[in-house]
């Protein structure tokens, strides 16, 4: 099992309830492919480094999880089509 961290930026136009649902969708996606979520960090609303889809802000979350090496590719292929996710990045954490 490897340790990974996924950074997800959601659209700032989401209401609090919709944001919570989207975060749960991402967490469920991780667990569906055998990942065990260890920590969820909410960074909140932050200014983007550059404009994306005419948006200048995003809502940042960082999720640390453990999974097999095949899980990140599966998660990326699914999260790519989520409408409310502006950007995402999965990185492997060194032990």
C-alpha atoms as a PDB file:
ATOM      1  CA  UNK A   1       0.000   0.000   0.000  1.00  0.00           C
ATOM      2  CA  UNK A   2       1.304   3.418  -0.986  1.00  0.00           C
ATOM      3  CA  UNK A   3       0.424   6.789   0.537  1.00  0.00           C
ATOM      4  CA  UNK A   4      -1.036   9.433  -1.756  1.00  0.00           C
ATOM      5  CA  UNK A   5      -2.390  12.944  -1.478  1.00  0.00           C
ATOM      6  CA  UNK A   6      -5.001  14.390  -3.782  1.00  0.00           C
ATOM      7  CA  UNK A   7      -5.495  18.122  -4.054  1.00  0.00           C
ATOM      8  CA  UNK A   8      -8.920  19.118  -5.346  1.00  0.00           C
ATOM      9  CA  UNK A   9     -10.128  22.619  -6.233  1.00  0.00           C
ATOM     10  CA  UNK A  10     -13.901  23.026  -6.390  1.00  0.00           C
ATOM     11  CA  UNK A  11     -15.844  25.867  -8.017  1.00  0.00           C
ATOM     12  CA  UNK A  12     -16.375  28.783  -5.617  1.00  0.00           C
ATOM     13  CA  UNK A  13     -20.000  29.159  -6.712  1.00  0.00           C
ATOM     14  CA  UNK A  14     -21.050  25.978  -4.874  1.00  0.00           C
ATOM     15  CA  UNK A  15     -23.373  26.302  -1.915  1.00  0.00           C
ATOM     16  CA  UNK A  16     -22.196  24.725   1.342  1.00  0.00           C
ATOM     17  CA  UNK A  17     -24.491  21.686   0.991  1.00  0.00           C
ATOM     18  CA  UNK A  18     -23.464  21.071  -2.634  1.00  0.00           C
ATOM     19  CA  UNK A  19     -19.795  21.413  -1.675  1.00  0.00           C
ATOM     20  CA  UNK A  20     -20.244  18.810   1.060  1.00  0.00           C
ATOM     21  CA  UNK A  21     -21.876  16.422  -1.443  1.00  0.00           C
ATOM     22  CA  UNK A  22     -19.046  16.885  -3.953  1.00  0.00           C
ATOM     23  CA  UNK A  23     -16.428  16.217  -1.280  1.00  0.00           C
ATOM     24  CA  UNK A  24     -18.289  13.042  -0.273  1.00  0.00           C
ATOM     25  CA  UNK A  25     -18.344  11.962  -3.944  1.00  0.00           C
ATOM     26  CA  UNK A  26     -14.556  12.310  -4.130  1.00  0.00           C
ATOM     27  CA  UNK A  27     -14.074  10.428  -0.848  1.00  0.00           C
ATOM     28  CA  UNK A  28     -16.430   7.655  -1.995  1.00  0.00           C
ATOM     29  CA  UNK A  29     -14.455   7.405  -5.240  1.00  0.00           C
ATOM     30  CA  UNK A  30     -11.248   6.867  -3.264  1.00  0.00           C
ATOM     31  CA  UNK A  31     -12.779   4.158  -1.075  1.00  0.00           C
ATOM     32  CA  UNK A  32     -14.434   2.444  -4.060  1.00  0.00           C
ATOM     33  CA  UNK A  33     -10.995   1.680  -5.504  1.00  0.00           C
ATOM     34  CA  UNK A  34      -9.628   0.289  -2.247  1.00  0.00           C
ATOM     35  CA  UNK A  35      -8.251   3.466  -0.729  1.00  0.00           C
ATOM     36  CA  UNK A  36      -8.302   4.192   2.998  1.00  0.00           C
ATOM     37  CA  UNK A  37      -8.721   7.883   3.766  1.00  0.00           C
ATOM     38  CA  UNK A  38      -6.393   9.058   6.517  1.00  0.00           C
ATOM     39  CA  UNK A  39      -6.887  12.821   6.626  1.00  0.00           C
ATOM     40  CA  UNK A  40      -8.988  15.536   4.973  1.00  0.00           C
ATOM     41  CA  UNK A  41      -7.606  19.085   5.064  1.00  0.00           C
ATOM     42  CA  UNK A  42      -9.920  21.948   4.184  1.00  0.00           C
ATOM     43  CA  UNK A  43      -7.988  25.010   3.076  1.00  0.00           C
ATOM     44  CA  UNK A  44     -11.115  26.948   2.179  1.00  0.00           C
ATOM     45  CA  UNK A  45     -11.548  29.628  -0.433  1.00  0.00           C
ATOM     46  CA  UNK A  46      -8.280  30.780  -2.010  1.00  0.00           C
ATOM     47  CA  UNK A  47      -7.286  32.926  -4.943  1.00  0.00           C
ATOM     48  CA  UNK A  48      -6.130  30.956  -7.990  1.00  0.00           C
ATOM     49  CA  UNK A  49      -2.701  31.640  -9.450  1.00  0.00           C
ATOM     50  CA  UNK A  50      -4.335  32.232 -12.833  1.00  0.00           C
ATOM     51  CA  UNK A  51      -7.865  32.445 -14.159  1.00  0.00           C
ATOM     52  CA  UNK A  52      -9.508  29.096 -14.960  1.00  0.00           C
ATOM     53  CA  UNK A  53     -12.867  28.981 -16.752  1.00  0.00           C
ATOM     54  CA  UNK A  54     -13.275  32.724 -15.920  1.00  0.00           C
ATOM     55  CA  UNK A  55     -12.935  31.951 -12.197  1.00  0.00           C
ATOM     56  CA  UNK A  56     -10.373  33.683  -9.976  1.00  0.00           C
ATOM     57  CA  UNK A  57     -11.059  31.723  -6.756  1.00  0.00           C
ATOM     58  CA  UNK A  58     -11.508  28.101  -5.763  1.00  0.00           C
ATOM     59  CA  UNK A  59     -12.278  25.998  -2.701  1.00  0.00           C
ATOM     60  CA  UNK A  60      -9.275  23.828  -1.836  1.00  0.00           C
ATOM     61  CA  UNK A  61      -9.255  20.375  -0.201  1.00  0.00           C
ATOM     62  CA  UNK A  62      -6.345  18.001   0.350  1.00  0.00           C
ATOM     63  CA  UNK A  63      -7.069  14.328   1.089  1.00  0.00           C
ATOM     64  CA  UNK A  64      -4.365  11.917   2.270  1.00  0.00           C
ATOM     65  CA  UNK A  65      -5.074   8.242   1.597  1.00  0.00           C
ATOM     66  CA  UNK A  66      -3.449   4.821   1.270  1.00  0.00           C
ATOM     67  CA  UNK A  67      -4.150   2.516  -1.655  1.00  0.00           C
ATOM     68  CA  UNK A  68      -2.689   0.149  -4.193  1.00  0.00           C
ATOM     69  CA  UNK A  69      -0.673   1.635  -7.037  1.00  0.00           C
ATOM     70  CA  UNK A  70      -3.502   1.159  -9.569  1.00  0.00           C
ATOM     71  CA  UNK A  71      -6.030   3.296  -7.677  1.00  0.00           C
ATOM     72  CA  UNK A  72      -4.752   6.805  -8.603  1.00  0.00           C
ATOM     73  CA  UNK A  73      -5.184   6.170 -12.337  1.00  0.00           C
ATOM     74  CA  UNK A  74      -8.742   4.936 -11.757  1.00  0.00           C
ATOM     75  CA  UNK A  75      -9.567   7.910  -9.533  1.00  0.00           C
ATOM     76  CA  UNK A  76      -8.154  10.382 -12.068  1.00  0.00           C
ATOM     77  CA  UNK A  77     -10.157   8.883 -14.915  1.00  0.00           C
ATOM     78  CA  UNK A  78     -13.398   9.363 -12.927  1.00  0.00           C
ATOM     79  CA  UNK A  79     -12.722  12.737 -11.275  1.00  0.00           C
ATOM     80  CA  UNK A  80     -11.843  14.259 -14.648  1.00  0.00           C
ATOM     81  CA  UNK A  81     -15.531  14.364 -15.630  1.00  0.00           C
ATOM     82  CA  UNK A  82     -16.830  15.959 -12.398  1.00  0.00           C
ATOM     83  CA  UNK A  83     -18.353  19.308 -13.367  1.00  0.00           C
ATOM     84  CA  UNK A  84     -17.659  21.099 -10.083  1.00  0.00           C
ATOM     85  CA  UNK A  85     -13.965  20.180  -9.918  1.00  0.00           C
ATOM     86  CA  UNK A  86     -11.789  22.888 -11.468  1.00  0.00           C
ATOM     87  CA  UNK A  87      -8.437  21.117 -10.965  1.00  0.00           C
ATOM     88  CA  UNK A  88      -7.042  18.044  -9.198  1.00  0.00           C
ATOM     89  CA  UNK A  89      -3.651  16.492  -8.653  1.00  0.00           C
ATOM     90  CA  UNK A  90      -2.649  13.171  -7.101  1.00  0.00           C
ATOM     91  CA  UNK A  91       0.894  12.784  -5.790  1.00  0.00           C
ATOM     92  CA  UNK A  92       2.605   9.860  -4.090  1.00  0.00           C
ATOM     93  CA  UNK A  93       4.006  10.649  -0.667  1.00  0.00           C
ATOM     94  CA  UNK A  94       7.416   9.233   0.205  1.00  0.00           C
ATOM     95  CA  UNK A  95       7.697   7.295   3.436  1.00  0.00           C
END
